[in-house]
Amino acid sequence: MLTNDDLIKLGFKPIPHFTIGNSVTYDLGRGRHLSAGNVGTPNEMVFICATDYKDKTNITDLVCLHNYDYDGYITEEKIKIYM
């Protein structure tokens, strides 16, 4: 089972403010990033997000790539595919 520390070793960065999901992000470039939250718990989710070019804090599009309820725990191999 992965943890946030495992994702940080892969290049993810903690969000500088508190989130309920204890999220970490990975910059994909061109205003896109992966967001992983609640890693290692039965609430685990991974999203690909797109941000507004003028305001990087404004997420304009969001697609769920992984949800524990349907997919079980995320694996390092699956994360690397998304990266």
PDB file of N, CA and C in Angstrom:
ATOM      1  N   MET A   1       0.847  -1.172   0.000  1.00  0.00           N
ATOM      2  CA  MET A   1       0.000   0.000   0.000  1.00  0.00           C
ATOM      3  C   MET A   1       0.899   1.243   0.000  1.00  0.00           C
ATOM      4  N   LEU A   2       0.613   2.155  -0.907  1.00  0.00           N
ATOM      5  CA  LEU A   2       1.394   3.385  -1.012  1.00  0.00           C
ATOM      6  C   LEU A   2       1.015   4.388   0.072  1.00  0.00           C
ATOM      7  N   THR A   3       1.943   5.295   0.342  1.00  0.00           N
ATOM      8  CA  THR A   3       1.704   6.408   1.257  1.00  0.00           C
ATOM      9  C   THR A   3       2.082   7.700   0.540  1.00  0.00           C
ATOM     10  N   ASN A   4       1.762   8.828   1.144  1.00  0.00           N
ATOM     11  CA  ASN A   4       2.184  10.114   0.573  1.00  0.00           C
ATOM     12  C   ASN A   4       3.702  10.183   0.460  1.00  0.00           C
ATOM     13  N   ASP A   5       4.410   9.630   1.444  1.00  0.00           N
ATOM     14  CA  ASP A   5       5.877   9.633   1.391  1.00  0.00           C
ATOM     15  C   ASP A   5       6.387   8.891   0.156  1.00  0.00           C
ATOM     16  N   ASP A   6       5.729   7.789  -0.201  1.00  0.00           N
ATOM     17  CA  ASP A   6       6.109   7.055  -1.418  1.00  0.00           C
ATOM     18  C   ASP A   6       5.905   7.919  -2.658  1.00  0.00           C
ATOM     19  N   LEU A   7       4.786   8.633  -2.698  1.00  0.00           N
ATOM     20  CA  LEU A   7       4.512   9.488  -3.854  1.00  0.00           C
ATOM     21  C   LEU A   7       5.483  10.664  -3.911  1.00  0.00           C
ATOM     22  N   ILE A   8       5.842  11.195  -2.772  1.00  0.00           N
ATOM     23  CA  ILE A   8       6.816  12.293  -2.733  1.00  0.00           C
ATOM     24  C   ILE A   8       8.160  11.818  -3.274  1.00  0.00           C
ATOM     25  N   LYS A   9       8.551  10.589  -2.982  1.00  0.00           N
ATOM     26  CA  LYS A   9       9.788  10.025  -3.539  1.00  0.00           C
ATOM     27  C   LYS A   9       9.723   9.914  -5.055  1.00  0.00           C
ATOM     28  N   LEU A  10       8.511   9.791  -5.606  1.00  0.00           N
ATOM     29  CA  LEU A  10       8.320   9.713  -7.063  1.00  0.00           C
ATOM     30  C   LEU A  10       8.234  11.097  -7.712  1.00  0.00           C
ATOM     31  N   GLY A  11       8.231  12.164  -6.900  1.00  0.00           N
ATOM     32  CA  GLY A  11       8.205  13.514  -7.448  1.00  0.00           C
ATOM     33  C   GLY A  11       6.962  14.323  -7.136  1.00  0.00           C
ATOM     34  N   PHE A  12       6.012  13.751  -6.421  1.00  0.00           N
ATOM     35  CA  PHE A  12       4.836  14.507  -5.996  1.00  0.00           C
ATOM     36  C   PHE A  12       5.260  15.534  -4.950  1.00  0.00           C
ATOM     37  N   LYS A  13       4.474  16.591  -4.831  1.00  0.00           N
ATOM     38  CA  LYS A  13       4.742  17.660  -3.860  1.00  0.00           C
ATOM     39  C   LYS A  13       3.524  17.832  -2.959  1.00  0.00           C
ATOM     40  N   PRO A  14       3.757  18.040  -1.655  1.00  0.00           N
ATOM     41  CA  PRO A  14       2.631  18.335  -0.762  1.00  0.00           C
ATOM     42  C   PRO A  14       2.013  19.690  -1.115  1.00  0.00           C
ATOM     43  N   ILE A  15       0.727  19.809  -0.931  1.00  0.00           N
ATOM     44  CA  ILE A  15       0.052  21.094  -1.111  1.00  0.00           C
ATOM     45  C   ILE A  15       0.406  21.955   0.102  1.00  0.00           C
ATOM     46  N   PRO A  16       0.714  23.243  -0.097  1.00  0.00           N
ATOM     47  CA  PRO A  16       1.204  24.069   1.014  1.00  0.00           C
ATOM     48  C   PRO A  16       0.140  24.449   2.048  1.00  0.00           C
ATOM     49  N   HIS A  17      -1.093  24.058   1.839  1.00  0.00           N
ATOM     50  CA  HIS A  17      -2.148  24.379   2.796  1.00  0.00           C
ATOM     51  C   HIS A  17      -2.903  23.098   3.162  1.00  0.00           C
ATOM     52  N   PHE A  18      -3.635  23.138   4.248  1.00  0.00           N
ATOM     53  CA  PHE A  18      -4.388  21.977   4.716  1.00  0.00           C
ATOM     54  C   PHE A  18      -5.492  21.604   3.735  1.00  0.00           C
ATOM     55  N   THR A  19      -5.619  20.306   3.463  1.00  0.00           N
ATOM     56  CA  THR A  19      -6.779  19.778   2.747  1.00  0.00           C
ATOM     57  C   THR A  19      -7.274  18.554   3.513  1.00  0.00           C
ATOM     58  N   ILE A  20      -8.542  18.311   3.461  1.00  0.00           N
ATOM     59  CA  ILE A  20      -9.117  17.164   4.158  1.00  0.00           C
ATOM     60  C   ILE A  20      -8.513  15.871   3.629  1.00  0.00           C
ATOM     61  N   GLY A  21      -8.218  15.827   2.327  1.00  0.00           N
ATOM     62  CA  GLY A  21      -7.680  14.615   1.714  1.00  0.00           C
ATOM     63  C   GLY A  21      -6.187  14.452   1.849  1.00  0.00           C
ATOM     64  N   ASN A  22      -5.511  15.386   2.541  1.00  0.00           N
ATOM     65  CA  ASN A  22      -4.056  15.312   2.678  1.00  0.00           C
ATOM     66  C   ASN A  22      -3.416  15.091   1.297  1.00  0.00           C
ATOM     67  N   SER A  23      -3.765  15.943   0.347  1.00  0.00           N
ATOM     68  CA  SER A  23      -3.398  15.773  -1.055  1.00  0.00           C
ATOM     69  C   SER A  23      -1.951  16.106  -1.366  1.00  0.00           C
ATOM     70  N   VAL A  24      -1.444  15.414  -2.384  1.00  0.00           N
ATOM     71  CA  VAL A  24      -0.144  15.715  -2.977  1.00  0.00           C
ATOM     72  C   VAL A  24      -0.364  15.838  -4.482  1.00  0.00           C
ATOM     73  N   THR A  25       0.485  16.621  -5.158  1.00  0.00           N
ATOM     74  CA  THR A  25       0.309  16.836  -6.589  1.00  0.00           C
ATOM     75  C   THR A  25       1.599  16.577  -7.350  1.00  0.00           C
ATOM     76  N   TYR A  26       1.426  16.274  -8.632  1.00  0.00           N
ATOM     77  CA  TYR A  26       2.551  16.043  -9.533  1.00  0.00           C
ATOM     78  C   TYR A  26       2.308  16.872 -10.788  1.00  0.00           C
ATOM     79  N   ASP A  27       3.229  17.764 -11.109  1.00  0.00           N
ATOM     80  CA  ASP A  27       3.083  18.660 -12.261  1.00  0.00           C
ATOM     81  C   ASP A  27       3.331  17.903 -13.562  1.00  0.00           C
ATOM     82  N   LEU A  28       2.330  17.894 -14.433  1.00  0.00           N
ATOM     83  CA  LEU A  28       2.438  17.242 -15.738  1.00  0.00           C
ATOM     84  C   LEU A  28       2.798  18.231 -16.845  1.00  0.00           C
ATOM     85  N   GLY A  29       2.840  19.524 -16.510  1.00  0.00           N
ATOM     86  CA  GLY A  29       3.115  20.555 -17.504  1.00  0.00           C
ATOM     87  C   GLY A  29       1.844  21.020 -18.199  1.00  0.00           C
ATOM     88  N   ARG A  30       1.966  22.150 -18.921  1.00  0.00           N
ATOM     89  CA  ARG A  30       0.859  22.724 -19.695  1.00  0.00           C
ATOM     90  C   ARG A  30      -0.419  22.901 -18.866  1.00  0.00           C
ATOM     91  N   GLY A  31      -0.244  23.305 -17.601  1.00  0.00           N
ATOM     92  CA  GLY A  31      -1.398  23.592 -16.753  1.00  0.00           C
ATOM     93  C   GLY A  31      -2.132  22.360 -16.258  1.00  0.00           C
ATOM     94  N   ARG A  32      -1.470  21.200 -16.275  1.00  0.00           N
ATOM     95  CA  ARG A  32      -2.109  19.963 -15.824  1.00  0.00           C
ATOM     96  C   ARG A  32      -1.299  19.360 -14.677  1.00  0.00           C
ATOM     97  N   HIS A  33      -1.985  18.678 -13.775  1.00  0.00           N
ATOM     98  CA  HIS A  33      -1.287  17.980 -12.701  1.00  0.00           C
ATOM     99  C   HIS A  33      -2.103  16.781 -12.227  1.00  0.00           C
ATOM    100  N   LEU A  34      -1.404  15.825 -11.628  1.00  0.00           N
ATOM    101  CA  LEU A  34      -2.067  14.727 -10.948  1.00  0.00           C
ATOM    102  C   LEU A  34      -2.273  15.144  -9.508  1.00  0.00           C
ATOM    103  N   SER A  35      -3.388  14.788  -8.945  1.00  0.00           N
ATOM    104  CA  SER A  35      -3.671  15.060  -7.542  1.00  0.00           C
ATOM    105  C   SER A  35      -4.065  13.742  -6.890  1.00  0.00           C
ATOM    106  N   ALA A  36      -3.360  13.370  -5.826  1.00  0.00           N
ATOM    107  CA  ALA A  36      -3.669  12.142  -5.097  1.00  0.00           C
ATOM    108  C   ALA A  36      -4.077  12.521  -3.686  1.00  0.00           C
ATOM    109  N   GLY A  37      -5.180  11.952  -3.227  1.00  0.00           N
ATOM    110  CA  GLY A  37      -5.662  12.270  -1.894  1.00  0.00           C
ATOM    111  C   GLY A  37      -6.044  11.027  -1.112  1.00  0.00           C
ATOM    112  N   ASN A  38      -5.935  11.127   0.194  1.00  0.00           N
ATOM    113  CA  ASN A  38      -6.278  10.033   1.096  1.00  0.00           C
ATOM    114  C   ASN A  38      -5.540   8.745   0.746  1.00  0.00           C
ATOM    115  N   VAL A  39      -4.288   8.885   0.315  1.00  0.00           N
ATOM    116  CA  VAL A  39      -3.491   7.739  -0.122  1.00  0.00           C
ATOM    117  C   VAL A  39      -3.315   6.757   1.037  1.00  0.00           C
ATOM    118  N   GLY A  40      -3.519   5.474   0.727  1.00  0.00           N
ATOM    119  CA  GLY A  40      -3.363   4.428   1.734  1.00  0.00           C
ATOM    120  C   GLY A  40      -4.585   4.203   2.589  1.00  0.00           C
ATOM    121  N   THR A  41      -5.707   4.825   2.220  1.00  0.00           N
ATOM    122  CA  THR A  41      -6.958   4.643   2.966  1.00  0.00           C
ATOM    123  C   THR A  41      -8.056   4.193   2.003  1.00  0.00           C
ATOM    124  N   PRO A  42      -9.174   3.705   2.520  1.00  0.00           N
ATOM    125  CA  PRO A  42     -10.298   3.346   1.651  1.00  0.00           C
ATOM    126  C   PRO A  42     -11.021   4.544   1.017  1.00  0.00           C
ATOM    127  N   ASN A  43     -10.472   5.746   1.146  1.00  0.00           N
ATOM    128  CA  ASN A  43     -11.006   6.935   0.472  1.00  0.00           C
ATOM    129  C   ASN A  43     -10.066   7.423  -0.627  1.00  0.00           C
ATOM    130  N   GLU A  44      -9.057   6.636  -0.949  1.00  0.00           N
ATOM    131  CA  GLU A  44      -8.000   7.009  -1.887  1.00  0.00           C
ATOM    132  C   GLU A  44      -8.557   7.347  -3.280  1.00  0.00           C
ATOM    133  N   MET A  45      -8.058   8.451  -3.846  1.00  0.00           N
ATOM    134  CA  MET A  45      -8.450   8.878  -5.189  1.00  0.00           C
ATOM    135  C   MET A  45      -7.273   9.543  -5.887  1.00  0.00           C
ATOM    136  N   VAL A  46      -7.229   9.413  -7.213  1.00  0.00           N
ATOM    137  CA  VAL A  46      -6.238  10.105  -8.033  1.00  0.00           C
ATOM    138  C   VAL A  46      -6.993  10.788  -9.169  1.00  0.00           C
ATOM    139  N   PHE A  47      -6.697  12.070  -9.366  1.00  0.00           N
ATOM    140  CA  PHE A  47      -7.345  12.860 -10.412  1.00  0.00           C
ATOM    141  C   PHE A  47      -6.294  13.465 -11.327  1.00  0.00           C
ATOM    142  N   ILE A  48      -6.671  13.725 -12.576  1.00  0.00           N
ATOM    143  CA  ILE A  48      -5.900  14.616 -13.426  1.00  0.00           C
ATOM    144  C   ILE A  48      -6.692  15.919 -13.461  1.00  0.00           C
ATOM    145  N   CYS A  49      -5.994  17.011 -13.237  1.00  0.00           N
ATOM    146  CA  CYS A  49      -6.636  18.317 -13.135  1.00  0.00           C
ATOM    147  C   CYS A  49      -6.018  19.279 -14.141  1.00  0.00           C
ATOM    148  N   ALA A  50      -6.825  20.170 -14.648  1.00  0.00           N
ATOM    149  CA  ALA A  50      -6.342  21.262 -15.500  1.00  0.00           C
ATOM    150  C   ALA A  50      -6.655  22.566 -14.788  1.00  0.00           C
ATOM    151  N   THR A  51      -5.707  23.511 -14.860  1.00  0.00           N
ATOM    152  CA  THR A  51      -5.898  24.791 -14.178  1.00  0.00           C
ATOM    153  C   THR A  51      -5.997  25.924 -15.189  1.00  0.00           C
ATOM    154  N   ASP A  52      -6.627  26.985 -14.742  1.00  0.00           N
ATOM    155  CA  ASP A  52      -6.744  28.205 -15.529  1.00  0.00           C
ATOM    156  C   ASP A  52      -5.342  28.803 -15.685  1.00  0.00           C
ATOM    157  N   TYR A  53      -4.978  29.196 -16.898  1.00  0.00           N
ATOM    158  CA  TYR A  53      -3.642  29.744 -17.137  1.00  0.00           C
ATOM    159  C   TYR A  53      -3.400  31.063 -16.404  1.00  0.00           C
ATOM    160  N   LYS A  54      -4.461  31.815 -16.148  1.00  0.00           N
ATOM    161  CA  LYS A  54      -4.313  33.094 -15.450  1.00  0.00           C
ATOM    162  C   LYS A  54      -4.303  32.934 -13.934  1.00  0.00           C
ATOM    163  N   ASP A  55      -4.971  31.905 -13.438  1.00  0.00           N
ATOM    164  CA  ASP A  55      -5.071  31.683 -11.987  1.00  0.00           C
ATOM    165  C   ASP A  55      -4.843  30.202 -11.709  1.00  0.00           C
ATOM    166  N   LYS A  56      -3.622  29.840 -11.353  1.00  0.00           N
ATOM    167  CA  LYS A  56      -3.244  28.436 -11.145  1.00  0.00           C
ATOM    168  C   LYS A  56      -3.983  27.782  -9.985  1.00  0.00           C
ATOM    169  N   THR A  57      -4.637  28.562  -9.131  1.00  0.00           N
ATOM    170  CA  THR A  57      -5.397  27.974  -8.033  1.00  0.00           C
ATOM    171  C   THR A  57      -6.811  27.586  -8.471  1.00  0.00           C
ATOM    172  N   ASN A  58      -7.210  27.958  -9.683  1.00  0.00           N
ATOM    173  CA  ASN A  58      -8.541  27.677 -10.195  1.00  0.00           C
ATOM    174  C   ASN A  58      -8.499  26.427 -11.078  1.00  0.00           C
ATOM    175  N   ILE A  59      -9.053  25.320 -10.588  1.00  0.00           N
ATOM    176  CA  ILE A  59      -9.114  24.081 -11.376  1.00  0.00           C
ATOM    177  C   ILE A  59     -10.305  24.180 -12.313  1.00  0.00           C
ATOM    178  N   THR A  60     -10.040  24.024 -13.622  1.00  0.00           N
ATOM    179  CA  THR A  60     -11.097  24.166 -14.621  1.00  0.00           C
ATOM    180  C   THR A  60     -11.652  22.819 -15.086  1.00  0.00           C
ATOM    181  N   ASP A  61     -10.856  21.772 -15.034  1.00  0.00           N
ATOM    182  CA  ASP A  61     -11.294  20.438 -15.432  1.00  0.00           C
ATOM    183  C   ASP A  61     -10.720  19.412 -14.462  1.00  0.00           C
ATOM    184  N   LEU A  62     -11.478  18.344 -14.241  1.00  0.00           N
ATOM    185  CA  LEU A  62     -11.076  17.330 -13.282  1.00  0.00           C
ATOM    186  C   LEU A  62     -11.615  15.983 -13.757  1.00  0.00           C
ATOM    187  N   VAL A  63     -10.729  14.981 -13.851  1.00  0.00           N
ATOM    188  CA  VAL A  63     -11.140  13.638 -14.245  1.00  0.00           C
ATOM    189  C   VAL A  63     -10.589  12.659 -13.223  1.00  0.00           C
ATOM    190  N   CYS A  64     -11.454  11.820 -12.677  1.00  0.00           N
ATOM    191  CA  CYS A  64     -11.023  10.807 -11.722  1.00  0.00           C
ATOM    192  C   CYS A  64     -10.364   9.658 -12.485  1.00  0.00           C
ATOM    193  N   LEU A  65      -9.106   9.369 -12.145  1.00  0.00           N
ATOM    194  CA  LEU A  65      -8.374   8.269 -12.773  1.00  0.00           C
ATOM    195  C   LEU A  65      -8.397   7.013 -11.924  1.00  0.00           C
ATOM    196  N   HIS A  66      -8.511   7.192 -10.624  1.00  0.00           N
ATOM    197  CA  HIS A  66      -8.484   6.048  -9.712  1.00  0.00           C
ATOM    198  C   HIS A  66      -9.344   6.356  -8.503  1.00  0.00           C
ATOM    199  N   ASN A  67     -10.183   5.402  -8.126  1.00  0.00           N
ATOM    200  CA  ASN A  67     -11.062   5.541  -6.969  1.00  0.00           C
ATOM    201  C   ASN A  67     -11.037   4.214  -6.227  1.00  0.00           C
ATOM    202  N   TYR A  68     -10.679   4.238  -4.965  1.00  0.00           N
ATOM    203  CA  TYR A  68     -10.570   3.009  -4.168  1.00  0.00           C
ATOM    204  C   TYR A  68     -11.832   2.154  -4.267  1.00  0.00           C
ATOM    205  N   ASP A  69     -13.005   2.772  -4.249  1.00  0.00           N
ATOM    206  CA  ASP A  69     -14.258   2.017  -4.262  1.00  0.00           C
ATOM    207  C   ASP A  69     -14.370   1.097  -5.482  1.00  0.00           C
ATOM    208  N   TYR A  70     -13.808   1.497  -6.599  1.00  0.00           N
ATOM    209  CA  TYR A  70     -13.874   0.708  -7.825  1.00  0.00           C
ATOM    210  C   TYR A  70     -12.572  -0.025  -8.130  1.00  0.00           C
ATOM    211  N   ASP A  71     -11.452   0.560  -7.725  1.00  0.00           N
ATOM    212  CA  ASP A  71     -10.148   0.081  -8.181  1.00  0.00           C
ATOM    213  C   ASP A  71      -9.266  -0.503  -7.082  1.00  0.00           C
ATOM    214  N   GLY A  72      -9.675  -0.414  -5.820  1.00  0.00           N
ATOM    215  CA  GLY A  72      -8.824  -0.871  -4.730  1.00  0.00           C
ATOM    216  C   GLY A  72      -7.695   0.121  -4.482  1.00  0.00           C
ATOM    217  N   TYR A  73      -6.651  -0.335  -3.810  1.00  0.00           N
ATOM    218  CA  TYR A  73      -5.517   0.537  -3.520  1.00  0.00           C
ATOM    219  C   TYR A  73      -4.704   0.806  -4.780  1.00  0.00           C
ATOM    220  N   ILE A  74      -4.172   2.011  -4.879  1.00  0.00           N
ATOM    221  CA  ILE A  74      -3.324   2.401  -6.007  1.00  0.00           C
ATOM    222  C   ILE A  74      -1.966   1.710  -5.865  1.00  0.00           C
ATOM    223  N   THR A  75      -1.347   1.407  -6.997  1.00  0.00           N
ATOM    224  CA  THR A  75      -0.014   0.808  -6.980  1.00  0.00           C
ATOM    225  C   THR A  75       0.988   1.781  -7.591  1.00  0.00           C
ATOM    226  N   GLU A  76       2.250   1.584  -7.277  1.00  0.00           N
ATOM    227  CA  GLU A  76       3.294   2.420  -7.851  1.00  0.00           C
ATOM    228  C   GLU A  76       3.315   2.283  -9.370  1.00  0.00           C
ATOM    229  N   GLU A  77       3.090   1.086  -9.873  1.00  0.00           N
ATOM    230  CA  GLU A  77       3.084   0.861 -11.322  1.00  0.00           C
ATOM    231  C   GLU A  77       1.995   1.687 -11.999  1.00  0.00           C
ATOM    232  N   LYS A  78       0.813   1.730 -11.392  1.00  0.00           N
ATOM    233  CA  LYS A  78      -0.297   2.495 -11.969  1.00  0.00           C
ATOM    234  C   LYS A  78       0.016   3.996 -11.929  1.00  0.00           C
ATOM    235  N   ILE A  79       0.575   4.470 -10.827  1.00  0.00           N
ATOM    236  CA  ILE A  79       0.946   5.887 -10.724  1.00  0.00           C
ATOM    237  C   ILE A  79       1.944   6.241 -11.823  1.00  0.00           C
ATOM    238  N   LYS A  80       2.920   5.387 -12.040  1.00  0.00           N
ATOM    239  CA  LYS A  80       3.939   5.658 -13.061  1.00  0.00           C
ATOM    240  C   LYS A  80       3.343   5.727 -14.462  1.00  0.00           C
ATOM    241  N   ILE A  81       2.293   4.968 -14.721  1.00  0.00           N
ATOM    242  CA  ILE A  81       1.598   5.052 -16.011  1.00  0.00           C
ATOM    243  C   ILE A  81       0.971   6.432 -16.179  1.00  0.00           C
ATOM    244  N   TYR A  82       0.364   6.954 -15.128  1.00  0.00           N
ATOM    245  CA  TYR A  82      -0.264   8.273 -15.178  1.00  0.00           C
ATOM    246  C   TYR A  82       0.749   9.394 -15.343  1.00  0.00           C
ATOM    247  N   MET A  83       1.949   9.186 -14.829  1.00  0.00           N
ATOM    248  CA  MET A  83       2.975  10.212 -14.866  1.00  0.00           C
ATOM    249  C   MET A  83       3.520  10.334 -16.285  1.00  0.00           C
TER     250      MET A  83
END
